[in-house]
PDB file of N, CA and C in Angstrom:
ATOM      1  N   MET A   1      26.363  11.783   0.099  1.00  0.00           N
ATOM      2  CA  MET A   1      26.755  10.339   0.901  1.00  0.00           C
ATOM      3  C   MET A   1      25.202   9.609   0.035  1.00  0.00           C
ATOM      4  N   LYS A   2      25.691   8.501  -0.735  1.00  0.00           N
ATOM      5  CA  LYS A   2      24.474   7.839  -1.246  1.00  0.00           C
ATOM      6  C   LYS A   2      23.875   6.633  -0.242  1.00  0.00           C
ATOM      7  N   HIS A   3      22.554   6.850  -0.065  1.00  0.00           N
ATOM      8  CA  HIS A   3      22.091   5.825   0.997  1.00  0.00           C
ATOM      9  C   HIS A   3      21.666   4.517   0.364  1.00  0.00           C
ATOM     10  N   PRO A   4      21.813   3.686   0.879  1.00  0.00           N
ATOM     11  CA  PRO A   4      21.387   2.257   0.139  1.00  0.00           C
ATOM     12  C   PRO A   4      20.004   2.354   0.326  1.00  0.00           C
ATOM     13  N   SER A   5      19.109   1.577  -0.721  1.00  0.00           N
ATOM     14  CA  SER A   5      17.646   1.721  -0.814  1.00  0.00           C
ATOM     15  C   SER A   5      16.948   0.852  -0.077  1.00  0.00           C
ATOM     16  N   ASN A   6      15.579   0.859   0.273  1.00  0.00           N
ATOM     17  CA  ASN A   6      15.004   0.180   1.041  1.00  0.00           C
ATOM     18  C   ASN A   6      15.240  -1.405   0.955  1.00  0.00           C
ATOM     19  N   GLU A   7      15.251  -1.660  -0.355  1.00  0.00           N
ATOM     20  CA  GLU A   7      15.282  -3.026  -0.590  1.00  0.00           C
ATOM     21  C   GLU A   7      16.837  -3.613  -0.360  1.00  0.00           C
ATOM     22  N   ASP A   8      17.879  -2.732  -0.385  1.00  0.00           N
ATOM     23  CA  ASP A   8      19.115  -3.068   0.021  1.00  0.00           C
ATOM     24  C   ASP A   8      19.002  -3.177   1.596  1.00  0.00           C
ATOM     25  N   TRP A   9      18.527  -2.538   2.216  1.00  0.00           N
ATOM     26  CA  TRP A   9      18.245  -2.615   3.856  1.00  0.00           C
ATOM     27  C   TRP A   9      17.449  -3.736   4.009  1.00  0.00           C
ATOM     28  N   LEU A  10      16.586  -4.265   3.316  1.00  0.00           N
ATOM     29  CA  LEU A  10      16.087  -5.399   3.364  1.00  0.00           C
ATOM     30  C   LEU A  10      16.809  -6.641   3.655  1.00  0.00           C
ATOM     31  N   SER A  11      17.469  -6.627   2.384  1.00  0.00           N
ATOM     32  CA  SER A  11      18.542  -7.699   1.992  1.00  0.00           C
ATOM     33  C   SER A  11      19.820  -7.346   3.257  1.00  0.00           C
ATOM     34  N   PHE A  12      19.924  -6.487   3.617  1.00  0.00           N
ATOM     35  CA  PHE A  12      20.979  -6.562   4.827  1.00  0.00           C
ATOM     36  C   PHE A  12      20.253  -7.071   6.099  1.00  0.00           C
ATOM     37  N   LEU A  13      19.053  -7.150   6.583  1.00  0.00           N
ATOM     38  CA  LEU A  13      18.323  -7.323   7.571  1.00  0.00           C
ATOM     39  C   LEU A  13      18.239  -8.734   7.429  1.00  0.00           C
ATOM     40  N   TYR A  14      17.922  -9.334   6.403  1.00  0.00           N
ATOM     41  CA  TYR A  14      17.560 -10.667   6.266  1.00  0.00           C
ATOM     42  C   TYR A  14      18.891 -11.469   5.662  1.00  0.00           C
ATOM     43  N   GLU A  15      20.183 -10.712   5.751  1.00  0.00           N
ATOM     44  CA  GLU A  15      21.261 -11.446   5.428  1.00  0.00           C
ATOM     45  C   GLU A  15      21.249 -12.071   3.996  1.00  0.00           C
ATOM     46  N   GLU A  16      20.597 -11.549   3.052  1.00  0.00           N
ATOM     47  CA  GLU A  16      20.559 -12.063   1.745  1.00  0.00           C
ATOM     48  C   GLU A  16      21.363 -11.419   0.652  1.00  0.00           C
ATOM     49  N   CYS A  17      22.330 -10.995   1.182  1.00  0.00           N
ATOM     50  CA  CYS A  17      23.626 -10.484   0.087  1.00  0.00           C
ATOM     51  C   CYS A  17      24.905 -11.052   0.707  1.00  0.00           C
ATOM     52  N   SER A  18      25.888 -10.705  -0.107  1.00  0.00           N
ATOM     53  CA  SER A  18      27.270 -10.863   0.235  1.00  0.00           C
ATOM     54  C   SER A  18      27.919 -10.273   1.446  1.00  0.00           C
ATOM     55  N   THR A  19      29.002 -10.981   2.070  1.00  0.00           N
ATOM     56  CA  THR A  19      29.553 -10.470   3.251  1.00  0.00           C
ATOM     57  C   THR A  19      30.019  -8.982   3.208  1.00  0.00           C
ATOM     58  N   GLU A  20      30.641  -9.052   2.077  1.00  0.00           N
ATOM     59  CA  GLU A  20      31.121  -7.380   1.627  1.00  0.00           C
ATOM     60  C   GLU A  20      30.191  -6.612   1.398  1.00  0.00           C
ATOM     61  N   GLN A  21      29.155  -6.926   1.116  1.00  0.00           N
ATOM     62  CA  GLN A  21      27.740  -6.111   1.034  1.00  0.00           C
ATOM     63  C   GLN A  21      27.284  -5.856   2.408  1.00  0.00           C
ATOM     64  N   LEU A  22      27.157  -6.777   3.104  1.00  0.00           N
ATOM     65  CA  LEU A  22      26.595  -6.465   4.462  1.00  0.00           C
ATOM     66  C   LEU A  22      27.533  -5.516   5.290  1.00  0.00           C
ATOM     67  N   LYS A  23      28.746  -5.908   5.191  1.00  0.00           N
ATOM     68  CA  LYS A  23      29.947  -4.945   5.890  1.00  0.00           C
ATOM     69  C   LYS A  23      29.852  -3.700   5.216  1.00  0.00           C
ATOM     70  N   SER A  24      29.742  -3.441   4.126  1.00  0.00           N
ATOM     71  CA  SER A  24      29.521  -2.034   3.572  1.00  0.00           C
ATOM     72  C   SER A  24      28.250  -1.420   4.115  1.00  0.00           C
ATOM     73  N   TRP A  25      27.436  -1.980   4.106  1.00  0.00           N
ATOM     74  CA  TRP A  25      26.138  -1.438   4.583  1.00  0.00           C
ATOM     75  C   TRP A  25      25.931  -1.192   6.261  1.00  0.00           C
ATOM     76  N   ASP A  26      26.780  -2.098   6.689  1.00  0.00           N
ATOM     77  CA  ASP A  26      26.803  -1.985   8.118  1.00  0.00           C
ATOM     78  C   ASP A  26      27.802  -0.535   8.601  1.00  0.00           C
ATOM     79  N   ARG A  27      28.616  -0.464   7.806  1.00  0.00           N
ATOM     80  CA  ARG A  27      29.394   0.755   8.024  1.00  0.00           C
ATOM     81  C   ARG A  27      28.809   1.989   7.718  1.00  0.00           C
ATOM     82  N   HIS A  28      27.925   2.033   6.625  1.00  0.00           N
ATOM     83  CA  HIS A  28      27.079   2.993   6.312  1.00  0.00           C
ATOM     84  C   HIS A  28      26.094   3.375   7.569  1.00  0.00           C
ATOM     85  N   ARG A  29      25.654   2.285   7.962  1.00  0.00           N
ATOM     86  CA  ARG A  29      24.585   2.476   9.162  1.00  0.00           C
ATOM     87  C   ARG A  29      25.397   3.213  10.401  1.00  0.00           C
ATOM     88  N   GLN A  30      26.478   2.567  10.646  1.00  0.00           N
ATOM     89  CA  GLN A  30      26.921   3.303  11.640  1.00  0.00           C
ATOM     90  C   GLN A  30      27.493   4.539  11.872  1.00  0.00           C
ATOM     91  N   GLU A  31      27.435   5.201  10.318  1.00  0.00           N
ATOM     92  CA  GLU A  31      27.729   6.376  10.313  1.00  0.00           C
ATOM     93  C   GLU A  31      26.968   7.507   9.950  1.00  0.00           C
ATOM     94  N   CYS A  32      25.578   6.967   9.773  1.00  0.00           N
ATOM     95  CA  CYS A  32      24.391   7.537   9.023  1.00  0.00           C
ATOM     96  C   CYS A  32      23.073   7.360  10.199  1.00  0.00           C
ATOM     97  N   PRO A  33      22.882   8.521  10.958  1.00  0.00           N
ATOM     98  CA  PRO A  33      22.028   8.337  11.891  1.00  0.00           C
ATOM     99  C   PRO A  33      20.544   8.123  11.275  1.00  0.00           C
ATOM    100  N   GLN A  34      20.448   8.646  10.025  1.00  0.00           N
ATOM    101  CA  GLN A  34      19.129   8.572   9.568  1.00  0.00           C
ATOM    102  C   GLN A  34      18.948   6.857   8.824  1.00  0.00           C
ATOM    103  N   CYS A  35      19.821   6.460   8.644  1.00  0.00           N
ATOM    104  CA  CYS A  35      19.730   5.069   8.106  1.00  0.00           C
ATOM    105  C   CYS A  35      19.967   3.986   9.261  1.00  0.00           C
ATOM    106  N   ALA A  36      20.456   4.520  10.319  1.00  0.00           N
ATOM    107  CA  ALA A  36      20.824   3.696  11.658  1.00  0.00           C
ATOM    108  C   ALA A  36      18.999   3.579  12.483  1.00  0.00           C
ATOM    109  N   GLN A  37      18.488   4.893  12.241  1.00  0.00           N
ATOM    110  CA  GLN A  37      17.360   5.017  12.672  1.00  0.00           C
ATOM    111  C   GLN A  37      16.007   3.982  12.082  1.00  0.00           C
ATOM    112  N   LEU A  38      16.318   4.382  10.579  1.00  0.00           N
ATOM    113  CA  LEU A  38      15.167   3.096   9.895  1.00  0.00           C
ATOM    114  C   LEU A  38      15.453   1.610  10.005  1.00  0.00           C
ATOM    115  N   VAL A  39      17.049   1.385  10.047  1.00  0.00           N
ATOM    116  CA  VAL A  39      17.176  -0.092  10.212  1.00  0.00           C
ATOM    117  C   VAL A  39      16.694  -0.644  11.692  1.00  0.00           C
ATOM    118  N   ASP A  40      16.812   0.389  12.933  1.00  0.00           N
ATOM    119  CA  ASP A  40      16.465   0.109  14.089  1.00  0.00           C
ATOM    120  C   ASP A  40      14.790  -0.087  13.888  1.00  0.00           C
ATOM    121  N   GLN A  41      14.229   0.733  13.436  1.00  0.00           N
ATOM    122  CA  GLN A  41      12.578   0.601  13.385  1.00  0.00           C
ATOM    123  C   GLN A  41      11.996  -0.939  12.809  1.00  0.00           C
ATOM    124  N   TRP A  42      12.958  -1.132  11.709  1.00  0.00           N
ATOM    125  CA  TRP A  42      12.463  -2.182  11.188  1.00  0.00           C
ATOM    126  C   TRP A  42      12.836  -3.522  11.928  1.00  0.00           C
ATOM    127  N   ARG A  43      14.131  -3.541  12.417  1.00  0.00           N
ATOM    128  CA  ARG A  43      14.492  -4.576  13.326  1.00  0.00           C
ATOM    129  C   ARG A  43      13.512  -4.802  14.499  1.00  0.00           C
ATOM    130  N   GLU A  44      12.832  -3.345  15.174  1.00  0.00           N
ATOM    131  CA  GLU A  44      11.984  -3.533  16.287  1.00  0.00           C
ATOM    132  C   GLU A  44      10.617  -4.262  15.755  1.00  0.00           C
ATOM    133  N   SER A  45      10.154  -3.859  14.222  1.00  0.00           N
ATOM    134  CA  SER A  45       9.049  -4.396  13.809  1.00  0.00           C
ATOM    135  C   SER A  45       9.324  -5.966  13.725  1.00  0.00           C
ATOM    136  N   GLN A  46      10.458  -6.374  13.218  1.00  0.00           N
ATOM    137  CA  GLN A  46      10.610  -7.764  13.028  1.00  0.00           C
ATOM    138  C   GLN A  46      10.324  -8.595  14.628  1.00  0.00           C
ATOM    139  N   ARG A  47      11.028  -7.932  15.442  1.00  0.00           N
ATOM    140  CA  ARG A  47      11.038  -8.560  17.056  1.00  0.00           C
ATOM    141  C   ARG A  47       9.604  -8.799  17.274  1.00  0.00           C
ATOM    142  N   ILE A  48       8.680  -7.492  16.897  1.00  0.00           N
ATOM    143  CA  ILE A  48       7.582  -7.532  17.471  1.00  0.00           C
ATOM    144  C   ILE A  48       6.576  -8.714  16.589  1.00  0.00           C
ATOM    145  N   LEU A  49       6.753  -8.520  15.135  1.00  0.00           N
ATOM    146  CA  LEU A  49       5.848  -9.632  14.727  1.00  0.00           C
ATOM    147  C   LEU A  49       6.349 -11.120  14.944  1.00  0.00           C
ATOM    148  N   SER A  50       7.610 -11.226  15.085  1.00  0.00           N
ATOM    149  CA  SER A  50       8.226 -12.538  15.501  1.00  0.00           C
ATOM    150  C   SER A  50       7.514 -13.192  16.752  1.00  0.00           C
ATOM    151  N   LYS A  51       6.916 -12.268  17.729  1.00  0.00           N
ATOM    152  CA  LYS A  51       6.167 -12.694  18.854  1.00  0.00           C
ATOM    153  C   LYS A  51       4.927 -13.085  18.665  1.00  0.00           C
ATOM    154  N   TRP A  52       4.417 -12.712  17.374  1.00  0.00           N
ATOM    155  CA  TRP A  52       2.783 -13.005  17.189  1.00  0.00           C
ATOM    156  C   TRP A  52       2.660 -14.704  16.962  1.00  0.00           C
ATOM    157  N   GLU A  53       1.554 -14.912  17.758  1.00  0.00           N
ATOM    158  CA  GLU A  53       1.207 -16.446  17.383  1.00  0.00           C
ATOM    159  C   GLU A  53      -0.199 -16.328  16.897  1.00  0.00           C
ATOM    160  N   LEU A  54      -0.233 -17.326  15.878  1.00  0.00           N
ATOM    161  CA  LEU A  54      -1.327 -17.712  15.307  1.00  0.00           C
ATOM    162  C   LEU A  54      -2.509 -18.439  16.260  1.00  0.00           C
ATOM    163  N   ALA A  55      -3.625 -18.110  16.177  1.00  0.00           N
ATOM    164  CA  ALA A  55      -4.709 -18.605  16.879  1.00  0.00           C
ATOM    165  C   ALA A  55      -4.779 -19.962  16.318  1.00  0.00           C
ATOM    166  N   PRO A  56      -5.243 -21.175  16.950  1.00  0.00           N
ATOM    167  CA  PRO A  56      -5.192 -22.440  16.508  1.00  0.00           C
ATOM    168  C   PRO A  56      -6.762 -22.554  15.760  1.00  0.00           C
ATOM    169  N   THR A  57      -6.692 -23.152  14.682  1.00  0.00           N
ATOM    170  CA  THR A  57      -7.770 -23.225  14.017  1.00  0.00           C
ATOM    171  C   THR A  57      -8.621 -24.619  14.170  1.00  0.00           C
ATOM    172  N   PHE A  58      -9.963 -24.521  14.493  1.00  0.00           N
ATOM    173  CA  PHE A  58     -10.581 -25.861  14.848  1.00  0.00           C
ATOM    174  C   PHE A  58     -11.426 -26.436  13.408  1.00  0.00           C
ATOM    175  N   ARG A  59     -11.300 -25.654  12.676  1.00  0.00           N
ATOM    176  CA  ARG A  59     -12.071 -26.057  11.427  1.00  0.00           C
ATOM    177  C   ARG A  59     -11.083 -27.021  10.393  1.00  0.00           C
ATOM    178  N   ARG A  60     -11.769 -28.121  10.040  1.00  0.00           N
ATOM    179  CA  ARG A  60     -10.810 -29.056   9.423  1.00  0.00           C
ATOM    180  C   ARG A  60     -10.855 -28.939   8.007  1.00  0.00           C
ATOM    181  N   TYR A  61      -9.922 -29.165   7.170  1.00  0.00           N
ATOM    182  CA  TYR A  61      -9.784 -28.719   5.681  1.00  0.00           C
ATOM    183  C   TYR A  61     -10.660 -29.958   5.180  1.00  0.00           C
ATOM    184  N   ARG A  62     -11.569 -29.246   4.500  1.00  0.00           N
ATOM    185  CA  ARG A  62     -12.530 -30.138   3.561  1.00  0.00           C
ATOM    186  C   ARG A  62     -12.455 -29.986   2.057  1.00  0.00           C
ATOM    187  N   PRO A  63     -11.990 -31.196   1.566  1.00  0.00           N
ATOM    188  CA  PRO A  63     -12.026 -30.973   0.138  1.00  0.00           C
ATOM    189  C   PRO A  63     -13.083 -30.690  -0.784  1.00  0.00           C
ATOM    190  N   ALA A  64     -13.159 -29.890  -1.747  1.00  0.00           N
ATOM    191  CA  ALA A  64     -14.405 -29.535  -2.244  1.00  0.00           C
ATOM    192  C   ALA A  64     -15.085 -30.585  -3.239  1.00  0.00           C
ATOM    193  N   PHE A  65     -14.192 -31.827  -3.608  1.00  0.00           N
ATOM    194  CA  PHE A  65     -14.515 -32.816  -3.911  1.00  0.00           C
ATOM    195  C   PHE A  65     -14.695 -34.011  -3.039  1.00  0.00           C
ATOM    196  N   ARG A  66     -16.114 -34.477  -3.048  1.00  0.00           N
ATOM    197  CA  ARG A  66     -16.425 -35.465  -1.957  1.00  0.00           C
ATOM    198  C   ARG A  66     -16.890 -36.488  -2.719  1.00  0.00           C
ATOM    199  N   PRO A  67     -16.166 -37.869  -2.736  1.00  0.00           N
ATOM    200  CA  PRO A  67     -16.442 -38.861  -3.601  1.00  0.00           C
ATOM    201  C   PRO A  67     -17.761 -39.527  -3.045  1.00  0.00           C
ATOM    202  N   HIS A  68     -18.252 -39.421  -1.907  1.00  0.00           N
ATOM    203  CA  HIS A  68     -19.379 -39.846  -1.214  1.00  0.00           C
ATOM    204  C   HIS A  68     -20.553 -39.254  -1.703  1.00  0.00           C
ATOM    205  N   VAL A  69     -20.556 -37.920  -1.626  1.00  0.00           N
ATOM    206  CA  VAL A  69     -21.471 -37.118  -2.169  1.00  0.00           C
ATOM    207  C   VAL A  69     -21.902 -37.603  -3.419  1.00  0.00           C
ATOM    208  N   TRP A  70     -21.002 -37.606  -4.374  1.00  0.00           N
ATOM    209  CA  TRP A  70     -21.105 -37.530  -5.753  1.00  0.00           C
ATOM    210  C   TRP A  70     -21.760 -39.185  -5.926  1.00  0.00           C
ATOM    211  N   ALA A  71     -21.218 -40.242  -5.277  1.00  0.00           N
ATOM    212  CA  ALA A  71     -21.891 -41.491  -5.376  1.00  0.00           C
ATOM    213  C   ALA A  71     -23.284 -41.365  -4.865  1.00  0.00           C
ATOM    214  N   ILE A  72     -23.505 -40.950  -3.972  1.00  0.00           N
ATOM    215  CA  ILE A  72     -25.125 -40.777  -3.256  1.00  0.00           C
ATOM    216  C   ILE A  72     -25.979 -39.971  -4.418  1.00  0.00           C
ATOM    217  N   ALA A  73     -25.499 -38.881  -5.297  1.00  0.00           N
ATOM    218  CA  ALA A  73     -26.017 -38.351  -6.013  1.00  0.00           C
ATOM    219  C   ALA A  73     -26.401 -39.105  -7.447  1.00  0.00           C
ATOM    220  N   ALA A  74     -25.423 -39.955  -7.634  1.00  0.00           N
ATOM    221  CA  ALA A  74     -25.192 -40.600  -8.784  1.00  0.00           C
ATOM    222  C   ALA A  74     -26.344 -41.940  -8.820  1.00  0.00           C
ATOM    223  N   VAL A  75     -26.305 -42.337  -7.458  1.00  0.00           N
ATOM    224  CA  VAL A  75     -27.430 -43.539  -7.300  1.00  0.00           C
ATOM    225  C   VAL A  75     -28.900 -43.103  -7.247  1.00  0.00           C
ATOM    226  N   ALA A  76     -28.913 -41.773  -6.467  1.00  0.00           N
ATOM    227  CA  ALA A  76     -30.220 -40.974  -6.349  1.00  0.00           C
ATOM    228  C   ALA A  76     -30.908 -40.823  -8.063  1.00  0.00           C
ATOM    229  N   LEU A  77     -29.960 -40.296  -8.691  1.00  0.00           N
ATOM    230  CA  LEU A  77     -30.331 -40.151 -10.052  1.00  0.00           C
ATOM    231  C   LEU A  77     -30.895 -41.326 -10.871  1.00  0.00           C
ATOM    232  N   SER A  78     -29.822 -42.408 -10.829  1.00  0.00           N
ATOM    233  CA  SER A  78     -30.175 -43.674 -11.469  1.00  0.00           C
ATOM    234  C   SER A  78     -31.476 -44.084 -11.098  1.00  0.00           C
ATOM    235  N   LEU A  79     -31.860 -44.145  -9.543  1.00  0.00           N
ATOM    236  CA  LEU A  79     -33.279 -44.639  -9.003  1.00  0.00           C
ATOM    237  C   LEU A  79     -34.504 -43.939  -9.935  1.00  0.00           C
ATOM    238  N   ILE A  80     -34.347 -42.605  -9.946  1.00  0.00           N
ATOM    239  CA  ILE A  80     -35.273 -41.749 -10.539  1.00  0.00           C
ATOM    240  C   ILE A  80     -35.693 -42.306 -11.881  1.00  0.00           C
ATOM    241  N   HIS A  81     -34.779 -42.786 -12.890  1.00  0.00           N
ATOM    242  CA  HIS A  81     -34.834 -43.074 -13.920  1.00  0.00           C
ATOM    243  C   HIS A  81     -35.138 -44.268 -14.235  1.00  0.00           C
ATOM    244  N   ILE A  82     -35.485 -44.918 -13.220  1.00  0.00           N
ATOM    245  CA  ILE A  82     -35.813 -46.721 -13.237  1.00  0.00           C
ATOM    246  C   ILE A  82     -37.055 -46.674 -13.491  1.00  0.00           C
TER     247      ILE A  82
END
């Protein structure tokens, strides 16, 4: 019996393949306890990961380029050379 690869099973789980391929791999999963266990474990991992919530961040995005800082620096340098 030829087992689908891990990449095949991931395509199966995310339904990223043709309907015919989904049906074929699903039949294999139903007949093969080893593959059924593997797919069940991955589905459980998906379920657990989908429950995770990201902590809110309070840090605002600050761009590296701050025009007002450069303007102040330019004025300060021009005053030094006067």
